Structures are given as C-alpha cells and as structure tokens.
C-alpha cells in the first residue's frame, strides 16, 4: 500500500489556465522522491495540494488506504504527514524553541508532561538540546531549519514533505541537515534546486511540468 498516491492532480489559480495537470505519483515506504522543475512550474503548490492547503481542480490525493477530499479528511492526513516549509519563519511562531516543539503534541491532546518529554527527546536526537530555551526568531538560519524539522518530527509523522530544505544554509549547517535527513526512517517528497542534496538524498527523481510528472535521470 502506497503511503501517498496522487491520481491525476490538476491545479490552477482562479481565472488562470492550469498551472499543472494530470500529476500522478506514488510514494512507498523507504522512498525519498525529489520533485524537480523550473521556477514557477508549481512544485511548492504541489506540496500544498498534497497537504490540503490548496484545492486541486481535478484528481485526488490518496494515501494510507484513504482518499482525502474535505478539510476533515486532510486534518487526518496532516497527523501522518509532516510538512517542512521553505521559510522556517512561516513555521516557528512560539516565543521559545521548547514551546514551538510542544505546540503540536499539545494540540493533539497530549498532556504537558508528555509533550515536554517528546520535545526533549527530539531535541536530543537531533543534537540541538542546547537550543531548548532560545528565542526561536533569534536563531541562525541553520538552527532555525533544524528546529523546524524538530517541530515536525516531534509529531512522529510517517512521511515528510520538504520544501527547499537547504535553502540559505551555510556549508556546515547544510551538511548537518543532509546527514540528519539521511538518518531518518521516514519516506520523503522533497523539492530542491540543490543538486548535491538531491544526489545524496533522493532514491528517485521526477520532473514537474505543466502536463504532469515525468521520471528524471
């Protein structure tokens, strides 16, 4: 059973022609699929459609044996699929790192003690426990990226969607991020213009065009 299955997805902004159409893709356990393509072709938009943040014109998003159409459907999907935004500032909104990490588990109804333990565990796992009490928006770009990843992983997703994960990182931060991602068990769909990251991380590549997804070398 595919973790994610896109069936003939099409999307276009209101009053405009389709940005893309007939997009089909399956993501199986252990896969890390890189979605490539020119700027403006709709790669980030495709991730938004998968998460139900934008509504497809046609086709459907499936996965885990279900089809997702309504907002209630996608709320269930978001409990199993974690999305790491291109800009960490779009994802970090609490005063401190530990509060950002506790927010998701608390929102799912976990106790404060449970949420705190989950947050502490993931900080230790990513070797960023020293950032625990730092103000999120005062972190460096590389630190923010790792904290954003931690805020998603604390929810224990089965799939990760990564949008330009190495964007604006210095060499050291970028290398640490790649090593962290390589060590994770989750299946992934990643959008990136970073050829080296794609070479090291992706198990399969597809290229997005207006007429769908095509296998890429």
Protein backbone atom coordinates (compact mmCIF):
# COMPACT_ATOMS: atom_id res chain seq x y z
CA UNK A 1 0.00 0.00 0.00
CA UNK A 2 1.40 3.39 -1.04
CA UNK A 3 1.95 5.93 1.72
CA UNK A 4 0.98 8.70 -0.70
CA UNK A 5 -0.72 8.29 -4.09
CA UNK A 6 -1.53 11.26 -6.32
CA UNK A 7 -4.03 10.47 -9.05
CA UNK A 8 -4.33 12.86 -11.99
CA UNK A 9 -3.98 16.06 -9.93
CA UNK A 10 -4.56 19.35 -11.68
CA UNK A 11 -4.30 22.84 -10.23
CA UNK A 12 -4.74 26.40 -11.43
CA UNK A 13 -5.25 29.72 -9.73
CA UNK A 14 -8.65 31.36 -10.10
CA UNK A 15 -9.12 32.91 -13.52
CA UNK A 16 -5.91 31.46 -14.93
CA UNK A 17 -5.08 28.43 -17.03
CA UNK A 18 -3.92 25.29 -15.27
CA UNK A 19 -0.53 25.50 -13.59
CA UNK A 20 -0.18 21.74 -13.92
CA UNK A 21 -2.46 18.84 -14.79
CA UNK A 22 -2.51 15.04 -14.74
CA UNK A 23 0.06 14.74 -11.93
CA UNK A 24 0.30 11.15 -10.67
CA UNK A 25 2.83 9.84 -8.19
CA UNK A 26 3.19 7.08 -5.60
CA UNK A 27 5.45 7.22 -2.56
CA UNK A 28 6.29 3.92 -0.89
CA UNK A 29 7.92 3.22 2.45
CA UNK A 30 11.64 4.00 2.42
CA UNK A 31 11.50 6.17 -0.70
CA UNK A 32 12.85 9.70 -0.92
CA UNK A 33 11.42 11.24 -4.09
CA UNK A 34 12.85 14.52 -5.39
CA UNK A 35 10.45 16.73 -7.36
CA UNK A 36 12.48 18.81 -9.82
CA UNK A 37 11.46 21.53 -12.26
CA UNK A 38 11.89 25.13 -13.33
CA UNK A 39 10.94 28.05 -11.09
CA UNK A 40 7.22 28.80 -11.28
CA UNK A 41 6.16 25.36 -12.51
CA UNK A 42 4.27 24.69 -9.27
CA UNK A 43 6.50 22.48 -7.10
CA UNK A 44 5.63 24.23 -3.82
CA UNK A 45 1.99 24.42 -4.90
CA UNK A 46 2.01 20.65 -5.43
CA UNK A 47 3.14 20.16 -1.82
CA UNK A 48 0.35 22.50 -0.70
CA UNK A 49 -2.21 20.43 -2.64
CA UNK A 50 -0.93 17.22 -1.05
CA UNK A 51 -1.42 18.77 2.40
CA UNK A 52 -4.85 20.18 1.54
CA UNK A 53 -3.64 23.78 1.86
CA UNK A 54 -4.80 24.38 -1.73
CA UNK A 55 -7.67 22.65 -3.51
CA UNK A 56 -6.96 20.70 -6.68
CA UNK A 57 -9.06 21.38 -9.79
CA UNK A 58 -9.04 17.71 -10.67
CA UNK A 59 -7.78 14.37 -9.47
CA UNK A 60 -7.35 13.28 -5.89
CA UNK A 61 -4.86 12.80 -3.09
CA UNK A 62 -4.80 9.30 -1.59
CA UNK A 63 -2.66 7.52 0.93
CA UNK A 64 -2.66 5.05 3.79
CA UNK A 65 -5.67 3.35 2.19
CA UNK A 66 -7.82 6.50 2.11
CA UNK A 67 -8.85 9.28 -0.28
CA UNK A 68 -8.65 12.86 1.02
CA UNK A 69 -11.09 15.49 -0.21
CA UNK A 70 -12.64 17.53 2.63
CA UNK A 71 -10.83 19.61 5.25
CA UNK A 72 -11.68 16.96 7.85
CA UNK A 73 -10.03 14.36 5.60
CA UNK A 74 -6.86 16.43 5.27
CA UNK A 75 -6.73 17.04 9.02
CA UNK A 76 -6.31 13.27 9.39
CA UNK A 77 -3.63 13.24 6.71
CA UNK A 78 -1.70 16.04 8.47
CA UNK A 79 -1.42 13.83 11.54
CA UNK A 80 0.60 11.36 9.47
CA UNK A 81 2.44 13.65 7.03
CA UNK A 82 4.79 16.39 8.23
CA UNK A 83 5.48 19.44 6.06
CA UNK A 84 8.69 21.44 6.48
CA UNK A 85 8.10 24.85 4.90
CA UNK A 86 10.66 26.59 2.69
CA UNK A 87 10.89 29.53 5.12
CA UNK A 88 11.32 28.50 8.78
CA UNK A 89 9.79 31.80 9.89
CA UNK A 90 6.48 30.60 8.44
CA UNK A 91 6.57 27.65 10.84
CA UNK A 92 8.14 28.92 14.07
CA UNK A 93 5.71 31.16 15.92
CA UNK A 94 6.13 30.49 19.66
CA UNK A 95 8.49 32.55 21.85
CA UNK A 96 10.99 29.75 22.52
CA UNK A 97 12.19 26.58 20.86
CA UNK A 98 10.74 24.26 23.50
CA UNK A 99 7.34 25.95 23.19
CA UNK A 100 7.41 25.54 19.41
CA UNK A 101 8.11 21.83 19.80
CA UNK A 102 5.44 21.30 22.44
CA UNK A 103 2.73 23.08 20.45
CA UNK A 104 1.93 20.19 18.10
CA UNK A 105 1.64 17.42 20.71
CA UNK A 106 -0.40 19.68 23.00
CA UNK A 107 -2.71 20.45 20.08
CA UNK A 108 -3.28 16.70 19.67
CA UNK A 109 -4.40 16.45 23.28
CA UNK A 110 -1.21 15.16 24.88
CA UNK A 111 -0.55 16.21 28.45
CA UNK A 112 2.02 18.92 29.17
CA UNK A 113 4.36 16.27 30.61
CA UNK A 114 4.01 14.05 27.54
CA UNK A 115 4.54 16.94 25.13
CA UNK A 116 7.59 18.12 27.04
CA UNK A 117 9.13 14.65 27.04
CA UNK A 118 8.54 14.23 23.31
CA UNK A 119 10.13 17.64 22.68
CA UNK A 120 13.14 16.87 24.86
CA UNK A 121 13.61 13.52 23.11
CA UNK A 122 13.64 15.00 19.61
CA UNK A 123 15.98 17.84 20.63
CA UNK A 124 18.42 15.25 21.96
CA UNK A 125 18.02 13.09 18.85
CA UNK A 126 18.92 16.00 16.56
CA UNK A 127 21.70 17.13 18.94
CA UNK A 128 20.19 20.58 19.44
CA UNK A 129 19.21 20.36 23.11
CA UNK A 130 21.35 23.44 23.76
CA UNK A 131 18.75 25.47 21.80
CA UNK A 132 15.92 24.42 24.12
CA UNK A 133 15.28 27.80 25.75
CA UNK A 134 16.46 30.06 22.95
CA UNK A 135 14.13 32.58 21.34
CA UNK A 136 13.15 30.93 18.05
CA UNK A 137 13.40 34.02 15.86
CA UNK A 138 16.86 34.88 17.16
CA UNK A 139 18.38 31.66 15.89
CA UNK A 140 20.66 31.43 12.86
CA UNK A 141 19.27 30.17 9.57
CA UNK A 142 20.76 26.71 10.08
CA UNK A 143 19.49 26.49 13.65
CA UNK A 144 16.00 27.55 12.55
CA UNK A 145 15.98 24.87 9.87
CA UNK A 146 16.87 22.14 12.36
CA UNK A 147 14.32 23.41 14.90
CA UNK A 148 11.65 23.49 12.18
CA UNK A 149 12.48 19.89 11.30
CA UNK A 150 12.32 19.01 15.00
CA UNK A 151 8.90 20.67 15.32
CA UNK A 152 7.65 18.33 12.58
CA UNK A 153 9.41 15.18 13.75
CA UNK A 154 8.02 15.57 17.27
CA UNK A 155 4.62 14.76 15.74
CA UNK A 156 6.03 11.37 14.67
CA UNK A 157 4.94 11.59 11.02
CA UNK A 158 5.23 8.65 8.66
CA UNK A 159 6.01 10.87 5.65
CA UNK A 160 7.95 14.13 5.32
CA UNK A 161 7.41 16.83 2.69
CA UNK A 162 10.48 19.08 2.43
CA UNK A 163 10.43 22.37 0.51
CA UNK A 164 13.94 23.59 -0.37
CA UNK A 165 15.37 22.23 2.90
CA UNK A 166 18.92 23.52 2.32
CA UNK A 167 17.87 27.00 1.19
CA UNK A 168 20.11 29.80 2.58
CA UNK A 169 22.19 27.47 4.78
CA UNK A 170 25.94 27.80 5.20
CA UNK A 171 28.11 24.81 4.35
CA UNK A 172 28.29 23.42 7.88
CA UNK A 173 24.56 23.74 8.56
CA UNK A 174 23.72 22.26 5.18
CA UNK A 175 25.97 19.24 5.78
CA UNK A 176 24.44 18.62 9.19
CA UNK A 177 20.93 18.84 7.75
CA UNK A 178 21.71 16.33 4.99
CA UNK A 179 23.25 13.89 7.48
CA UNK A 180 20.19 14.27 9.72
CA UNK A 181 17.78 13.61 6.84
CA UNK A 182 19.77 10.58 5.66
CA UNK A 183 19.45 9.05 9.12
CA UNK A 184 15.66 9.42 9.29
CA UNK A 185 13.42 6.42 8.54
CA UNK A 186 10.53 8.43 7.09
CA UNK A 187 9.64 8.35 3.40
CA UNK A 188 10.05 11.81 1.85
CA UNK A 189 8.96 14.01 -1.01
CA UNK A 190 11.45 16.84 -1.42
CA UNK A 191 11.58 19.92 -3.60
CA UNK A 192 15.07 21.29 -4.11
CA UNK A 193 17.35 23.09 -6.56
CA UNK A 194 20.35 21.83 -4.59
CA UNK A 195 21.86 19.23 -6.93
CA UNK A 196 24.24 17.82 -4.35
CA UNK A 197 21.47 17.38 -1.77
CA UNK A 198 19.32 15.62 -4.36
CA UNK A 199 22.22 13.39 -5.42
CA UNK A 200 22.85 12.31 -1.84
CA UNK A 201 19.31 12.10 -0.56
CA UNK A 202 16.92 11.09 -3.34
CA UNK A 203 16.20 7.48 -4.18
CA UNK A 204 14.11 8.58 -7.17
CA UNK A 205 13.63 11.79 -9.17
CA UNK A 206 10.65 13.14 -11.06
CA UNK A 207 10.32 16.37 -13.01
CA UNK A 208 7.19 18.52 -12.80
CA UNK A 209 5.89 20.14 -15.99
CA UNK A 210 2.55 21.61 -16.98
CA UNK A 211 1.43 18.25 -18.37
CA UNK A 212 2.36 16.18 -15.31
CA UNK A 213 5.25 14.43 -13.61
CA UNK A 214 7.92 12.64 -15.61
CA UNK A 215 10.65 10.32 -14.40
CA UNK A 216 14.01 12.10 -14.36
CA UNK A 217 17.54 10.75 -14.56
